[in-house]
Amino acid sequence: MSNLFINQFSEFILIHVIVFLEGLLVLKLNWKVNYTRKINHFFVFFSPYLLKTIFPFEETLYSQIIIALVGLSTLMIYLKPIRENIKIVTIMFAAFDRPEDRPHTLKWLFTQYLVTYIVAVPLWLLFDRLGHTEAIPIIILINAIGDGLAEPVGIRWGKHKYKVKALFTKTTYTRSLEGSACVFFVSFFAIAAYYNSFTPYQLIAAFIAVPIVSTLAEAKSPHTWDSPFIFLFTGISLLLIYQI
C-alpha cells in the first residue's frame, strides 16, 4: 500500500514539473498551447507505466479509485483564486489553457477526466474478469498516441476541416480529417502490438472494427472530450470482439 502512495506522489511531482516547464515554453518562447497540451497528454498516460516499474503496486479496484481521486484532486490547484495568486500555478496553467477554450478550460478538463475514469474503471474490471487486461493498454495507446497526435497534425497539415460542438457553449470548433487519421492508423499499430492476445478471427475483426470505431469516437466527441468517448466505444468494440 505504501508503494501506491509513493507512486502517486512521484507522479504528482513529475507531471507538475513537466507542466511547469511547458508553461515556461508558452510564456517565454511563445510555443503554441496546442502543442504543450499534447506533450502533457502523452506524459499523463505513459508516466504511470514508467513509475510503476520503479514503485510497483497491486492493481485492485481500491488502487484504481485512489488513482482516480488523486488525478482529479490535483486539478483543484488550478482553480481561479489559486492560479491568479500563485505565480508557479499561473505558469503551469498556461501550459494547457488554450485561448479558444476560455472560460471553459478547467471545466472541460475536469469533466473529461472525471468521465474518463467513470468509463475506464468499470472497463478495467470487465477486462480483468475476462482475462483480457491487455485491452486497457490498447485503448490507452490509441487515446494517448492517436488522439495525442491528432491536434498537432491537424494544425500543421490539416486541410480538410470539419466542425464539432462543445459542452456548455454554442461555439463550434474545428478538427481535420488528417488529424483524425492519426487515430485510425495508431489503432492498427495498437492492435498489432497485442496480436497474440487475439484468436485469428478476433484479430481480423479487431483490425477491421477498432480503427473505424476509435476514429469515429474521436471525430464525433465534443471538443476536449475525446478520451471518454474513445475509452467507451473502443472498449465496447473490444468486449464484443472477445466474444467471437
Protein backbone atom coordinates (compact mmCIF):
# COMPACT_ATOMS: atom_id res chain seq x y z
CA MET A 1 0.00 0.00 0.00
CA SER A 2 2.85 2.39 0.78
CA ASN A 3 4.19 1.88 -2.75
CA LEU A 4 0.86 3.07 -4.16
CA PHE A 5 1.09 6.37 -2.29
CA ILE A 6 4.77 6.80 -3.13
CA ASN A 7 3.90 6.07 -6.75
CA GLN A 8 1.12 8.66 -6.80
CA PHE A 9 3.20 11.29 -5.03
CA SER A 10 6.05 10.74 -7.51
CA GLU A 11 3.63 11.03 -10.42
CA PHE A 12 2.22 14.26 -8.99
CA ILE A 13 5.72 15.77 -8.77
CA LEU A 14 6.80 14.53 -12.23
CA ILE A 15 3.67 15.73 -14.03
CA HIS A 16 3.74 19.16 -12.44
CA VAL A 17 7.44 19.68 -13.13
CA ILE A 18 6.72 18.88 -16.78
CA VAL A 19 3.67 21.17 -16.82
CA PHE A 20 5.74 23.99 -15.27
CA LEU A 21 8.40 23.63 -17.99
CA GLU A 22 5.68 23.56 -20.65
CA GLY A 23 4.18 26.72 -19.19
CA LEU A 24 7.56 28.44 -19.49
CA LEU A 25 7.74 27.39 -23.14
CA VAL A 26 4.35 29.02 -23.73
CA LEU A 27 5.01 32.22 -21.79
CA LYS A 28 8.70 32.78 -22.60
CA LEU A 29 9.17 31.18 -26.04
CA ASN A 30 5.64 31.60 -27.43
CA TRP A 31 5.04 27.91 -28.04
CA LYS A 32 1.51 27.03 -29.11
CA VAL A 33 -0.57 25.76 -26.20
CA ASN A 34 -1.97 23.18 -28.62
CA TYR A 35 1.48 21.55 -28.65
CA THR A 36 2.38 21.78 -24.95
CA ARG A 37 -1.07 20.48 -24.04
CA LYS A 38 -0.47 17.36 -26.13
CA ILE A 39 3.01 16.84 -24.70
CA ASN A 40 1.36 16.76 -21.30
CA HIS A 41 -1.28 14.40 -22.74
CA PHE A 42 1.47 11.86 -23.53
CA PHE A 43 3.04 12.13 -20.08
CA VAL A 44 -0.29 11.78 -18.26
CA PHE A 45 -0.94 8.45 -19.96
CA PHE A 46 2.59 6.98 -20.08
CA SER A 47 4.29 8.19 -16.89
CA PRO A 48 2.19 5.78 -14.74
CA TYR A 49 3.75 2.84 -16.63
CA LEU A 50 7.26 4.20 -16.05
CA LEU A 51 6.69 4.88 -12.37
CA LYS A 52 5.07 1.51 -11.81
CA THR A 53 8.34 -0.17 -12.78
CA ILE A 54 10.03 1.82 -10.02
CA PHE A 55 7.26 1.74 -7.40
CA PRO A 56 5.14 -1.33 -8.22
CA PHE A 57 1.80 -1.93 -6.56
CA GLU A 58 -1.05 -4.41 -6.86
CA GLU A 59 -3.80 -3.25 -9.21
CA THR A 60 -7.12 -3.57 -7.42
CA LEU A 61 -10.40 -1.69 -7.52
CA TYR A 62 -9.22 0.23 -4.44
CA SER A 63 -5.97 1.30 -6.12
CA GLN A 64 -7.83 2.38 -9.27
CA ILE A 65 -10.19 4.53 -7.20
CA ILE A 66 -7.25 6.09 -5.32
CA ILE A 67 -5.52 6.87 -8.63
CA ALA A 68 -8.70 8.44 -10.00
CA LEU A 69 -9.21 10.58 -6.89
CA VAL A 70 -5.61 11.75 -6.88
CA GLY A 71 -5.79 12.63 -10.58
CA LEU A 72 -8.96 14.65 -10.13
CA SER A 73 -7.88 16.34 -6.90
CA THR A 74 -4.66 17.64 -8.46
CA LEU A 75 -6.78 19.80 -10.77
CA MET A 76 -8.00 21.73 -7.74
CA ILE A 77 -4.76 23.73 -7.63
CA TYR A 78 -5.80 25.36 -10.90
CA LEU A 79 -8.96 26.93 -9.50
CA LYS A 80 -9.13 30.63 -10.38
CA PRO A 81 -8.39 32.06 -6.89
CA ILE A 82 -5.27 29.88 -6.65
CA ARG A 83 -3.89 30.26 -10.16
CA GLU A 84 -4.33 34.04 -10.11
CA ASN A 85 -2.43 34.47 -6.85
CA ILE A 86 0.35 31.89 -7.04
CA LYS A 87 2.88 32.53 -9.81
CA ILE A 88 4.03 28.92 -10.25
CA VAL A 89 0.42 27.77 -10.72
CA THR A 90 -0.15 30.61 -13.21
CA ILE A 91 2.79 29.30 -15.25
CA MET A 92 1.57 25.69 -15.08
CA PHE A 93 -1.96 26.67 -16.11
CA ALA A 94 -0.57 28.42 -19.19
CA ALA A 95 0.63 25.03 -20.45
CA PHE A 96 -2.91 23.84 -21.23
CA ASP A 97 -5.07 26.97 -21.24
CA ARG A 98 -5.87 27.28 -24.96
CA PRO A 99 -7.22 30.78 -25.71
CA GLU A 100 -10.12 29.31 -27.71
CA ASP A 101 -11.18 27.22 -24.68
CA ARG A 102 -11.61 30.14 -22.29
CA PRO A 103 -13.51 30.45 -19.99
CA HIS A 104 -14.24 26.70 -20.02
CA THR A 105 -10.67 25.33 -19.90
CA LEU A 106 -10.73 23.90 -16.38
CA LYS A 107 -14.38 22.89 -16.54
CA TRP A 108 -13.79 20.83 -19.69
CA LEU A 109 -10.56 19.35 -18.34
CA PHE A 110 -12.10 18.30 -15.02
CA THR A 111 -15.26 16.81 -16.55
CA GLN A 112 -13.27 14.95 -19.19
CA TYR A 113 -11.01 13.41 -16.54
CA LEU A 114 -13.96 12.53 -14.33
CA VAL A 115 -15.98 10.84 -17.07
CA THR A 116 -12.90 9.06 -18.44
CA TYR A 117 -12.32 7.47 -15.02
CA ILE A 118 -16.02 6.62 -14.70
CA VAL A 119 -15.76 4.76 -18.01
CA ALA A 120 -12.27 3.31 -17.63
CA VAL A 121 -12.55 1.73 -14.16
CA PRO A 122 -15.59 -0.48 -14.99
CA LEU A 123 -13.91 -1.43 -18.28
CA TRP A 124 -10.78 -2.43 -16.37
CA LEU A 125 -12.89 -4.60 -14.06
CA LEU A 126 -14.68 -6.26 -17.01
CA PHE A 127 -11.50 -6.96 -18.96
CA ASP A 128 -9.78 -8.23 -15.81
CA ARG A 129 -12.64 -10.67 -15.23
CA LEU A 130 -12.45 -11.83 -18.85
CA GLY A 131 -8.69 -12.32 -18.60
CA HIS A 132 -8.01 -9.64 -21.23
CA THR A 133 -6.21 -6.93 -19.26
CA GLU A 134 -4.25 -6.06 -22.40
CA ALA A 135 -7.38 -4.29 -23.70
CA ILE A 136 -6.78 -1.25 -21.48
CA PRO A 137 -3.22 -0.69 -22.79
CA ILE A 138 -4.62 -0.98 -26.34
CA ILE A 139 -7.15 1.75 -25.61
CA ILE A 140 -4.52 3.88 -23.87
CA LEU A 141 -2.18 3.61 -26.87
CA ILE A 142 -4.97 4.70 -29.21
CA ASN A 143 -6.02 7.55 -26.94
CA ALA A 144 -2.55 8.73 -25.88
CA ILE A 145 -0.75 8.49 -29.23
CA GLY A 146 -3.58 8.64 -31.77
CA ASP A 147 -5.55 11.42 -30.12
CA GLY A 148 -2.32 12.99 -28.88
CA LEU A 149 -1.08 13.40 -32.46
CA ALA A 150 -4.44 14.41 -33.91
CA GLU A 151 -4.35 18.06 -32.86
CA PRO A 152 -0.73 18.96 -33.76
CA VAL A 153 -1.01 17.05 -37.05
CA GLY A 154 -4.30 18.79 -37.80
CA ILE A 155 -2.80 22.21 -37.04
CA ARG A 156 0.30 21.60 -39.17
CA TRP A 157 -1.10 19.60 -42.08
CA GLY A 158 -4.89 19.60 -41.73
CA LYS A 159 -6.51 20.69 -45.00
CA HIS A 160 -9.89 19.00 -44.75
CA LYS A 161 -11.74 20.60 -41.85
CA TYR A 162 -14.97 19.73 -40.08
CA LYS A 163 -16.83 21.22 -37.13
CA VAL A 164 -17.63 19.73 -33.72
CA LYS A 165 -19.69 21.01 -30.82
CA ALA A 166 -18.59 21.54 -27.23
CA LEU A 167 -20.23 21.29 -23.83
CA PHE A 168 -21.58 24.37 -22.03
CA THR A 169 -21.34 26.60 -25.14
CA LYS A 170 -22.85 27.09 -28.59
CA THR A 171 -19.41 27.74 -30.09
CA THR A 172 -18.23 25.17 -32.63
CA TYR A 173 -14.62 24.03 -33.01
CA THR A 174 -12.56 22.77 -35.93
CA ARG A 175 -10.98 19.37 -36.42
CA SER A 176 -9.43 17.86 -39.53
CA LEU A 177 -9.58 14.55 -41.34
CA GLU A 178 -5.78 14.46 -41.32
CA GLY A 179 -5.80 14.70 -37.52
CA SER A 180 -8.47 12.07 -37.12
CA ALA A 181 -6.49 9.79 -39.45
CA CYS A 182 -3.83 9.61 -36.72
CA VAL A 183 -6.33 7.77 -34.50
CA PHE A 184 -7.18 5.42 -37.37
CA PHE A 185 -3.58 4.40 -38.13
CA VAL A 186 -2.43 4.24 -34.50
CA SER A 187 -5.32 1.86 -33.84
CA PHE A 188 -3.78 -0.62 -36.32
CA PHE A 189 -0.43 -0.45 -34.56
CA ALA A 190 -2.04 -0.84 -31.12
CA ILE A 191 -3.88 -3.99 -32.24
CA ALA A 192 -0.73 -5.32 -33.94
CA ALA A 193 1.29 -4.76 -30.75
CA TYR A 194 -1.06 -7.15 -28.89
CA TYR A 195 -1.84 -9.51 -31.78
CA ASN A 196 -1.04 -12.62 -29.73
CA SER A 197 -3.88 -11.86 -27.30
CA PHE A 198 -6.46 -12.46 -30.05
CA THR A 199 -7.58 -15.58 -31.85
CA PRO A 200 -7.18 -15.38 -35.67
CA TYR A 201 -10.84 -14.43 -36.17
CA GLN A 202 -10.75 -11.93 -33.31
CA LEU A 203 -7.61 -10.36 -34.80
CA ILE A 204 -9.25 -9.88 -38.19
CA ALA A 205 -12.33 -8.37 -36.54
CA ALA A 206 -10.14 -6.08 -34.40
CA PHE A 207 -8.17 -4.82 -37.41
CA ILE A 208 -11.44 -4.03 -39.19
CA ALA A 209 -13.57 -2.66 -36.37
CA VAL A 210 -11.32 -0.97 -33.84
CA PRO A 211 -9.73 1.66 -36.14
CA ILE A 212 -13.14 2.65 -37.50
CA VAL A 213 -14.82 2.78 -34.08
CA SER A 214 -11.95 4.66 -32.42
CA THR A 215 -11.72 7.20 -35.23
CA LEU A 216 -15.45 7.87 -35.22
CA ALA A 217 -15.42 8.16 -31.43
CA GLU A 218 -12.70 10.82 -31.61
CA ALA A 219 -14.29 12.59 -34.56
CA LYS A 220 -17.79 12.78 -33.07
CA SER A 221 -16.84 13.55 -29.47
CA PRO A 222 -17.37 17.09 -28.13
CA HIS A 223 -14.39 19.42 -28.17
CA THR A 224 -11.82 18.37 -25.48
CA TRP A 225 -13.92 15.32 -24.59
CA ASP A 226 -12.12 12.78 -26.81
CA SER A 227 -10.85 10.47 -24.05
CA PRO A 228 -14.12 9.23 -22.52
CA PHE A 229 -15.59 8.61 -25.98
CA ILE A 230 -12.51 6.72 -27.18
CA PHE A 231 -12.40 4.64 -23.98
CA LEU A 232 -16.12 3.86 -24.07
CA PHE A 233 -16.62 2.92 -27.72
CA THR A 234 -13.25 1.27 -28.26
CA GLY A 235 -13.78 -0.66 -25.04
CA ILE A 236 -17.23 -1.84 -26.16
CA SER A 237 -15.87 -2.90 -29.55
CA LEU A 238 -13.11 -4.94 -27.89
CA LEU A 239 -15.58 -6.54 -25.48
CA LEU A 240 -17.69 -7.66 -28.46
CA ILE A 241 -14.64 -8.89 -30.38
CA TYR A 242 -13.52 -11.04 -27.44
CA GLN A 243 -16.85 -12.86 -27.66
CA ILE A 244 -16.11 -14.14 -31.18
